[in-house]
C-alpha atoms as a PDB file:
ATOM      1  CA  MET A   1      27.063 -57.842   9.557  1.00  0.00           C
ATOM      2  CA  GLN A   2      25.714 -60.781  11.787  1.00  0.00           C
ATOM      3  CA  ASP A   3      27.760 -59.190  14.907  1.00  0.00           C
ATOM      4  CA  ALA A   4      25.806 -56.008  14.147  1.00  0.00           C
ATOM      5  CA  LEU A   5      22.341 -57.628  14.073  1.00  0.00           C
ATOM      6  CA  TYR A   6      23.009 -59.701  17.107  1.00  0.00           C
ATOM      7  CA  LEU A   7      23.816 -56.528  19.146  1.00  0.00           C
ATOM      8  CA  LEU A   8      20.603 -54.868  18.026  1.00  0.00           C
ATOM      9  CA  ASP A   9      18.823 -57.853  19.524  1.00  0.00           C
ATOM     10  CA  GLU A  10      20.981 -57.538  22.955  1.00  0.00           C
ATOM     11  CA  ALA A  11      19.859 -53.873  23.197  1.00  0.00           C
ATOM     12  CA  GLU A  12      16.344 -54.433  22.621  1.00  0.00           C
ATOM     13  CA  GLN A  13      16.254 -56.864  25.171  1.00  0.00           C
ATOM     14  CA  ALA A  14      18.510 -54.861  27.460  1.00  0.00           C
ATOM     15  CA  LEU A  15      15.840 -51.860  26.931  1.00  0.00           C
ATOM     16  CA  GLU A  16      13.124 -54.134  28.294  1.00  0.00           C
ATOM     17  CA  ASP A  17      15.051 -54.719  31.276  1.00  0.00           C
ATOM     18  CA  ILE A  18      15.980 -51.026  31.879  1.00  0.00           C
ATOM     19  CA  SER A  19      12.376 -50.074  31.318  1.00  0.00           C
ATOM     20  CA  LYS A  20      11.078 -52.574  34.158  1.00  0.00           C
ATOM     21  CA  LEU A  21      14.019 -51.334  36.301  1.00  0.00           C
ATOM     22  CA  HIS A  22      13.395 -47.561  36.203  1.00  0.00           C
ATOM     23  CA  HIS A  23      10.599 -47.171  38.202  1.00  0.00           C
ATOM     24  CA  LYS A  24      12.058 -49.264  40.955  1.00  0.00           C
ATOM     25  CA  ALA A  25      15.222 -47.562  40.970  1.00  0.00           C
ATOM     26  CA  LEU A  26      13.394 -44.056  41.425  1.00  0.00           C
ATOM     27  CA  ALA A  27      12.651 -45.306  44.826  1.00  0.00           C
ATOM     28  CA  SER A  28      16.080 -46.981  45.672  1.00  0.00           C
ATOM     29  CA  GLU A  29      19.291 -45.578  45.618  1.00  0.00           C
ATOM     30  CA  ASP A  30      20.602 -49.081  45.811  1.00  0.00           C
ATOM     31  CA  LEU A  31      18.986 -49.984  42.477  1.00  0.00           C
ATOM     32  CA  GLN A  32      20.359 -46.816  40.807  1.00  0.00           C
ATOM     33  CA  ARG A  33      23.761 -48.246  39.959  1.00  0.00           C
ATOM     34  CA  THR A  34      22.510 -51.433  38.625  1.00  0.00           C
ATOM     35  CA  LEU A  35      20.328 -49.322  36.363  1.00  0.00           C
ATOM     36  CA  ALA A  36      23.342 -47.339  35.330  1.00  0.00           C
ATOM     37  CA  PHE A  37      25.212 -50.207  34.574  1.00  0.00           C
ATOM     38  CA  LYS A  38      22.586 -51.565  32.309  1.00  0.00           C
ATOM     39  CA  ILE A  39      22.223 -48.230  30.517  1.00  0.00           C
ATOM     40  CA  LYS A  40      25.943 -48.634  30.022  1.00  0.00           C
ATOM     41  CA  ASN A  41      25.712 -52.006  28.483  1.00  0.00           C
ATOM     42  CA  PHE A  42      22.788 -50.877  26.489  1.00  0.00           C
ATOM     43  CA  LEU A  43      24.856 -48.026  24.820  1.00  0.00           C
ATOM     44  CA  ALA A  44      27.858 -49.950  24.308  1.00  0.00           C
ATOM     45  CA  ALA A  45      25.881 -52.545  22.261  1.00  0.00           C
ATOM     46  CA  LEU A  46      24.247 -50.132  19.898  1.00  0.00           C
ATOM     47  CA  ASN A  47      27.534 -48.364  19.566  1.00  0.00           C
ATOM     48  CA  SER A  48      29.381 -51.439  18.959  1.00  0.00           C
ATOM     49  CA  SER A  49      26.454 -52.491  16.195  1.00  0.00           C
ATOM     50  CA  LEU A  50      26.986 -48.866  14.344  1.00  0.00           C
ATOM     51  CA  ASP A  51      30.976 -49.696  14.617  1.00  0.00           C
ATOM     52  CA  TYR A  52      30.708 -53.344  13.383  1.00  0.00           C
ATOM     53  CA  ALA A  53      28.318 -52.276  10.419  1.00  0.00           C
ATOM     54  CA  ALA A  54      30.822 -49.724   9.450  1.00  0.00           C
ATOM     55  CA  TYR A  55      33.757 -52.000   9.672  1.00  0.00           C
ATOM     56  CA  TYR A  56      31.960 -54.605   7.499  1.00  0.00           C
ATOM     57  CA  ILE A  57      31.360 -51.790   4.835  1.00  0.00           C
ATOM     58  CA  PHE A  58      35.075 -51.013   4.819  1.00  0.00           C
ATOM     59  CA  GLU A  59      36.095 -54.835   4.620  1.00  0.00           C
ATOM     60  CA  VAL A  60      33.594 -55.810   1.915  1.00  0.00           C
ATOM     61  CA  PHE A  61      33.296 -52.458  -0.351  1.00  0.00           C
ATOM     62  CA  CYS A  62      36.780 -50.710   0.501  1.00  0.00           C
ATOM     63  CA  LEU A  63      39.727 -52.461   1.617  1.00  0.00           C
ATOM     64  CA  GLU A  64      40.980 -53.457  -2.009  1.00  0.00           C
ATOM     65  CA  ASN A  65      40.971 -49.597  -2.802  1.00  0.00           C
ATOM     66  CA  ALA A  66      42.388 -48.758   0.659  1.00  0.00           C
ATOM     67  CA  SER A  67      44.901 -51.246   0.247  1.00  0.00           C
ATOM     68  CA  ALA A  68      46.038 -49.809  -2.955  1.00  0.00           C
ATOM     69  CA  VAL A  69      46.017 -46.268  -1.581  1.00  0.00           C
ATOM     70  CA  TYR A  70      47.679 -46.963   1.966  1.00  0.00           C
ATOM     71  CA  ASP A  71      50.871 -49.047   2.754  1.00  0.00           C
ATOM     72  CA  ASN A  72      49.727 -48.831   6.546  1.00  0.00           C
ATOM     73  CA  ILE A  73      46.666 -50.630   6.175  1.00  0.00           C
ATOM     74  CA  GLU A  74      46.641 -52.424   9.572  1.00  0.00           C
ATOM     75  CA  TYR A  75      46.698 -48.692  10.956  1.00  0.00           C
ATOM     76  CA  ILE A  76      43.895 -47.876   8.729  1.00  0.00           C
ATOM     77  CA  LYS A  77      41.489 -50.528   9.948  1.00  0.00           C
ATOM     78  CA  ARG A  78      42.047 -49.778  13.429  1.00  0.00           C
ATOM     79  CA  LYS A  79      40.578 -46.360  12.532  1.00  0.00           C
ATOM     80  CA  ILE A  80      37.242 -47.663  11.263  1.00  0.00           C
ATOM     81  CA  TYR A  81      34.066 -46.296  13.177  1.00  0.00           C
ATOM     82  CA  PHE A  82      30.862 -45.164  12.149  1.00  0.00           C
ATOM     83  CA  PRO A  83      31.449 -41.621  11.730  1.00  0.00           C
ATOM     84  CA  ALA A  84      29.727 -38.997  13.589  1.00  0.00           C
ATOM     85  CA  TYR A  85      30.611 -35.273  12.682  1.00  0.00           C
ATOM     86  CA  LYS A  86      29.186 -32.025  13.401  1.00  0.00           C
ATOM     87  CA  LYS A  87      30.628 -30.250  10.061  1.00  0.00           C
ATOM     88  CA  GLU A  88      30.081 -31.746   6.595  1.00  0.00           C
ATOM     89  CA  LYS A  89      33.627 -30.684   5.439  1.00  0.00           C
ATOM     90  CA  ILE A  90      35.084 -32.891   8.455  1.00  0.00           C
ATOM     91  CA  PHE A  91      32.855 -35.813   7.276  1.00  0.00           C
ATOM     92  CA  GLU A  92      33.451 -35.607   3.563  1.00  0.00           C
ATOM     93  CA  GLU A  93      37.190 -35.547   4.455  1.00  0.00           C
ATOM     94  CA  GLN A  94      37.175 -38.230   6.906  1.00  0.00           C
ATOM     95  CA  VAL A  95      35.061 -40.764   5.185  1.00  0.00           C
ATOM     96  CA  ASN A  96      36.756 -40.243   1.939  1.00  0.00           C
ATOM     97  CA  LYS A  97      39.933 -40.927   3.648  1.00  0.00           C
ATOM     98  CA  HIS A  98      39.032 -44.093   5.517  1.00  0.00           C
ATOM     99  CA  PHE A  99      36.201 -45.459   3.303  1.00  0.00           C
ATOM    100  CA  VAL A 100      38.057 -45.136  -0.227  1.00  0.00           C
ATOM    101  CA  GLY A 101      35.778 -45.479  -3.173  1.00  0.00           C
ATOM    102  CA  LEU A 102      32.953 -45.553  -1.058  1.00  0.00           C
ATOM    103  CA  LYS A 103      31.136 -42.358  -2.516  1.00  0.00           C
ATOM    104  CA  GLU A 104      31.837 -43.323  -5.744  1.00  0.00           C
ATOM    105  CA  ASP A 105      31.188 -47.121  -6.021  1.00  0.00           C
ATOM    106  CA  HIS A 106      28.311 -47.349  -3.260  1.00  0.00           C
ATOM    107  CA  ASN A 107      26.610 -43.977  -2.977  1.00  0.00           C
ATOM    108  CA  PHE A 108      23.941 -45.534  -1.110  1.00  0.00           C
ATOM    109  CA  LEU A 109      26.110 -46.433   1.963  1.00  0.00           C
ATOM    110  CA  TYR A 110      27.594 -43.087   1.782  1.00  0.00           C
ATOM    111  CA  GLU A 111      24.287 -41.272   1.992  1.00  0.00           C
ATOM    112  CA  VAL A 112      23.561 -43.764   5.013  1.00  0.00           C
ATOM    113  CA  PHE A 113      26.518 -42.563   6.799  1.00  0.00           C
ATOM    114  CA  LYS A 114      25.310 -39.040   5.787  1.00  0.00           C
ATOM    115  CA  MET A 115      21.827 -39.408   6.738  1.00  0.00           C
ATOM    116  CA  PRO A 116      21.905 -38.763  10.536  1.00  0.00           C
ATOM    117  CA  GLN A 117      24.923 -36.346  10.500  1.00  0.00           C
ATOM    118  CA  GLU A 118      23.998 -32.992  12.656  1.00  0.00           C
ATOM    119  CA  PHE A 119      24.828 -31.086   9.550  1.00  0.00           C
ATOM    120  CA  GLU A 120      22.279 -33.242   7.464  1.00  0.00           C
ATOM    121  CA  ILE A 121      19.261 -33.384   9.598  1.00  0.00           C
ATOM    122  CA  GLY A 122      19.797 -30.347  12.111  1.00  0.00           C
ATOM    123  CA  SER A 123      19.463 -32.781  15.042  1.00  0.00           C
ATOM    124  CA  SER A 124      22.520 -33.526  17.231  1.00  0.00           C
ATOM    125  CA  TRP A 125      20.930 -36.914  18.442  1.00  0.00           C
ATOM    126  CA  LEU A 126      23.988 -38.819  16.788  1.00  0.00           C
ATOM    127  CA  THR A 127      26.787 -36.861  18.450  1.00  0.00           C
ATOM    128  CA  ASP A 128      24.910 -36.832  21.831  1.00  0.00           C
ATOM    129  CA  PHE A 129      24.478 -40.715  21.591  1.00  0.00           C
ATOM    130  CA  LYS A 130      28.472 -40.815  20.893  1.00  0.00           C
ATOM    131  CA  LYS A 131      28.892 -38.277  23.905  1.00  0.00           C
ATOM    132  CA  HIS A 132      27.010 -40.441  26.262  1.00  0.00           C
ATOM    133  CA  CYS A 133      28.838 -43.864  24.808  1.00  0.00           C
ATOM    134  CA  ASN A 134      32.115 -41.960  25.872  1.00  0.00           C
ATOM    135  CA  GLU A 135      30.818 -40.936  29.242  1.00  0.00           C
ATOM    136  CA  THR A 136      29.765 -44.367  30.546  1.00  0.00           C
ATOM    137  CA  LYS A 137      33.467 -45.573  29.870  1.00  0.00           C
ATOM    138  CA  HIS A 138      34.510 -43.612  32.973  1.00  0.00           C
ATOM    139  CA  VAL A 139      33.426 -43.530  36.700  1.00  0.00           C
ATOM    140  CA  ARG A 140      30.581 -41.444  36.922  1.00  0.00           C
ATOM    141  CA  LEU A 141      28.904 -43.941  34.287  1.00  0.00           C
ATOM    142  CA  THR A 142      25.568 -42.703  32.760  1.00  0.00           C
ATOM    143  CA  ARG A 143      25.380 -39.529  34.832  1.00  0.00           C
ATOM    144  CA  ASN A 144      21.891 -39.667  35.351  1.00  0.00           C
ATOM    145  CA  LYS A 145      19.506 -37.440  37.380  1.00  0.00           C
ATOM    146  CA  LYS A 146      16.063 -37.486  38.858  1.00  0.00           C
ATOM    147  CA  LEU A 147      13.601 -35.205  37.364  1.00  0.00           C
ATOM    148  CA  TYR A 148       9.648 -34.384  37.925  1.00  0.00           C
ATOM    149  CA  SER A 149       7.292 -33.197  35.361  1.00  0.00           C
ATOM    150  CA  GLY A 150       3.516 -32.718  36.406  1.00  0.00           C
ATOM    151  CA  THR A 151       0.780 -30.150  37.765  1.00  0.00           C
ATOM    152  CA  LEU A 152       0.279 -28.321  41.051  1.00  0.00           C
ATOM    153  CA  ASP A 153      -3.187 -27.852  40.959  1.00  0.00           C
ATOM    154  CA  TYR A 154      -3.740 -26.556  44.593  1.00  0.00           C
ATOM    155  CA  LEU A 155      -1.565 -25.482  47.561  1.00  0.00           C
ATOM    156  CA  SER A 156      -2.095 -23.739  50.514  1.00  0.00           C
ATOM    157  CA  PHE A 157       0.057 -22.671  53.252  1.00  0.00           C
ATOM    158  CA  PRO A 158      -0.540 -21.745  57.065  1.00  0.00           C
ATOM    159  CA  GLU A 159      -0.785 -18.182  56.391  1.00  0.00           C
ATOM    160  CA  GLY A 160      -3.477 -18.729  54.169  1.00  0.00           C
ATOM    161  CA  ILE A 161      -1.333 -18.169  51.056  1.00  0.00           C
ATOM    162  CA  THR A 162      -2.383 -20.467  48.134  1.00  0.00           C
ATOM    163  CA  MET A 163      -0.880 -21.586  44.852  1.00  0.00           C
ATOM    164  CA  LEU A 164      -3.248 -22.453  41.916  1.00  0.00           C
ATOM    165  CA  ASN A 165      -2.588 -24.219  38.668  1.00  0.00           C
ATOM    166  CA  ASN A 166       1.258 -24.451  38.407  1.00  0.00           C
ATOM    167  CA  LYS A 167       2.681 -26.513  35.805  1.00  0.00           C
ATOM    168  CA  PHE A 168       6.116 -27.921  35.694  1.00  0.00           C
ATOM    169  CA  GLU A 169       8.211 -29.635  33.283  1.00  0.00           C
ATOM    170  CA  GLY A 170      11.520 -31.634  33.915  1.00  0.00           C
ATOM    171  CA  VAL A 171      12.516 -30.062  37.163  1.00  0.00           C
ATOM    172  CA  GLY A 172      15.050 -31.258  39.975  1.00  0.00           C
ATOM    173  CA  GLN A 173      13.011 -29.554  42.725  1.00  0.00           C
ATOM    174  CA  VAL A 174       9.714 -28.436  42.278  1.00  0.00           C
ATOM    175  CA  LEU A 175       9.418 -25.849  45.251  1.00  0.00           C
ATOM    176  CA  THR A 176      11.176 -25.149  48.565  1.00  0.00           C
ATOM    177  CA  VAL A 177       8.867 -23.737  51.431  1.00  0.00           C
ATOM    178  CA  ASN A 178      11.265 -22.042  54.307  1.00  0.00           C
ATOM    179  CA  ASP A 179      14.182 -23.648  53.353  1.00  0.00           C
ATOM    180  CA  VAL A 180      12.447 -27.448  53.384  1.00  0.00           C
ATOM    181  CA  PRO A 181      12.377 -28.981  49.654  1.00  0.00           C
ATOM    182  CA  PHE A 182       8.877 -30.133  48.724  1.00  0.00           C
ATOM    183  CA  ASP A 183       8.886 -33.676  47.807  1.00  0.00           C
ATOM    184  CA  PRO A 184       6.177 -34.682  44.960  1.00  0.00           C
ATOM    185  CA  ASP A 185       6.685 -38.610  45.964  1.00  0.00           C
ATOM    186  CA  ASN A 186       5.441 -37.515  49.415  1.00  0.00           C
ATOM    187  CA  PRO A 187       3.635 -34.474  49.202  1.00  0.00           C
ATOM    188  CA  HIS A 188       1.531 -34.338  52.376  1.00  0.00           C
ATOM    189  CA  ASN A 189       4.509 -34.845  54.480  1.00  0.00           C
ATOM    190  CA  HIS A 190       5.907 -31.253  54.270  1.00  0.00           C
ATOM    191  CA  PRO A 191       5.708 -29.448  57.599  1.00  0.00           C
ATOM    192  CA  TYR A 192       4.669 -25.817  56.090  1.00  0.00           C
ATOM    193  CA  ILE A 193       1.977 -27.181  53.397  1.00  0.00           C
ATOM    194  CA  ASN A 194      -1.660 -27.574  54.533  1.00  0.00           C
ATOM    195  CA  GLN A 195      -3.252 -28.896  51.608  1.00  0.00           C
ATOM    196  CA  TYR A 196      -2.113 -30.402  48.411  1.00  0.00           C
ATOM    197  CA  GLU A 197      -3.634 -31.513  45.141  1.00  0.00           C
ATOM    198  CA  GLY A 198      -1.710 -32.174  41.835  1.00  0.00           C
ATOM    199  CA  GLU A 199      -0.008 -34.908  40.086  1.00  0.00           C
ATOM    200  CA  PHE A 200       3.593 -35.819  39.414  1.00  0.00           C
ATOM    201  CA  THR A 201       5.452 -38.289  37.615  1.00  0.00           C
ATOM    202  CA  SER A 202       9.540 -38.707  37.985  1.00  0.00           C
ATOM    203  CA  TYR A 203      12.096 -39.856  35.910  1.00  0.00           C
ATOM    204  CA  PHE A 204      15.805 -40.298  35.140  1.00  0.00           C
ATOM    205  CA  SER A 205      17.472 -38.079  32.409  1.00  0.00           C
ATOM    206  CA  PHE A 206      20.738 -37.728  31.321  1.00  0.00           C
ATOM    207  CA  GLU A 207      22.908 -35.070  32.641  1.00  0.00           C
ATOM    208  CA  GLY A 208      22.358 -31.871  30.466  1.00  0.00           C
ATOM    209  CA  SER A 209      18.984 -32.959  29.316  1.00  0.00           C
ATOM    210  CA  SER A 210      15.274 -32.916  30.617  1.00  0.00           C
ATOM    211  CA  LYS A 211      14.045 -35.783  28.258  1.00  0.00           C
ATOM    212  CA  PRO A 212      13.094 -38.858  30.040  1.00  0.00           C
ATOM    213  CA  ILE A 213      16.066 -41.468  29.847  1.00  0.00           C
ATOM    214  CA  VAL A 214      14.060 -44.187  28.661  1.00  0.00           C
ATOM    215  CA  LYS A 215      12.360 -42.551  25.935  1.00  0.00           C
ATOM    216  CA  THR A 216      15.687 -41.159  24.886  1.00  0.00           C
ATOM    217  CA  LEU A 217      17.113 -44.747  24.738  1.00  0.00           C
ATOM    218  CA  GLU A 218      14.028 -45.965  22.933  1.00  0.00           C
ATOM    219  CA  PHE A 219      14.887 -43.079  20.388  1.00  0.00           C
ATOM    220  CA  TYR A 220      18.490 -44.105  19.941  1.00  0.00           C
ATOM    221  CA  LEU A 221      17.562 -47.747  19.576  1.00  0.00           C
ATOM    222  CA  ASN A 222      15.075 -47.021  16.761  1.00  0.00           C
ATOM    223  CA  MET A 223      17.609 -44.691  15.023  1.00  0.00           C
ATOM    224  CA  VAL A 224      20.347 -47.589  14.857  1.00  0.00           C
ATOM    225  CA  ILE A 225      18.122 -50.359  13.996  1.00  0.00           C
ATOM    226  CA  GLU A 226      17.142 -47.974  10.800  1.00  0.00           C
ATOM    227  CA  ILE A 227      20.713 -47.407  10.189  1.00  0.00           C
ATOM    228  CA  VAL A 228      22.032 -51.098  10.323  1.00  0.00           C
ATOM    229  CA  THR A 229      18.967 -52.311   8.690  1.00  0.00           C
ATOM    230  CA  ASN A 230      19.548 -50.229   5.646  1.00  0.00           C
ATOM    231  CA  ILE A 231      23.086 -51.263   5.482  1.00  0.00           C
ATOM    232  CA  ASN A 232      22.243 -54.890   6.084  1.00  0.00           C
ATOM    233  CA  ASP A 233      19.442 -54.640   3.247  1.00  0.00           C
ATOM    234  CA  TYR A 234      21.809 -53.289   0.632  1.00  0.00           C
ATOM    235  CA  CYS A 235      24.405 -55.794   1.562  1.00  0.00           C
ATOM    236  CA  GLU A 236      22.135 -58.603   0.728  1.00  0.00           C
ATOM    237  CA  SER A 237      20.856 -56.880  -2.319  1.00  0.00           C
ATOM    238  CA  GLN A 238      24.389 -56.779  -3.635  1.00  0.00           C
ATOM    239  CA  GLN A 239      24.490 -60.676  -2.825  1.00  0.00           C
ATOM    240  CA  ILE A 240      27.790 -59.905  -0.772  1.00  0.00           C
ATOM    241  CA  LYS A 241      29.484 -63.096   0.801  1.00  0.00           C
ATOM    242  CA  PRO A 242      30.739 -62.881   4.563  1.00  0.00           C
ATOM    243  CA  PRO A 243      34.573 -61.880   4.287  1.00  0.00           C
ATOM    244  CA  LYS A 244      36.869 -64.805   4.938  1.00  0.00           C
ATOM    245  CA  LYS A 245      38.397 -65.142   8.160  1.00  0.00           C
ATOM    246  CA  ASN A 246      42.188 -64.862   8.412  1.00  0.00           C
END
């Protein structure tokens, strides 16, 4: 479990670095790739923490049972990851197949596996997290995008037209006037806008989501910490000794 806990510490430090870099990267394309790599490493650390914890569970609580069932135990070992399934039937089949005897002998750990599953809590955070981890393995890395949220209290145009009290949430482009995009970062530089009053914040988001990426990463960190801590606490309560290295 020490590797899983160590990776949580690494992820916490990585998130601090990401938070500091995020604002600077919004104004600098040169820093956006650096931010993307830091997000990639953060997600990899969390994902590996979950997988290390799952493998520890298998090695300590399930290896003996699995060895009695399977001749190709080395093949089974290579299939040990933290489970993430949308459907309960598939979850039960795969967990019972790979973590032999866990449900019967150590039901608390089985429930720790089950707790974050989409079918159990009605949230897809775990499968979304796994998807983002897989995406970072490819060239496009985190595939993040810049979004804006804020209010446009007053806007006037040369023709005497005005806009009042408009609210925007998670949009890539606030508005366009005569084919010229309005830039919330430089609102007074638009050639067709006379007056502007309002306030916007910008942030990066994963593709397909309008949630700020830093808040999403904080949520992932907190959820993984809870899972790994529950596993570690249970193992300590059982007075488990670390498996011997071959």
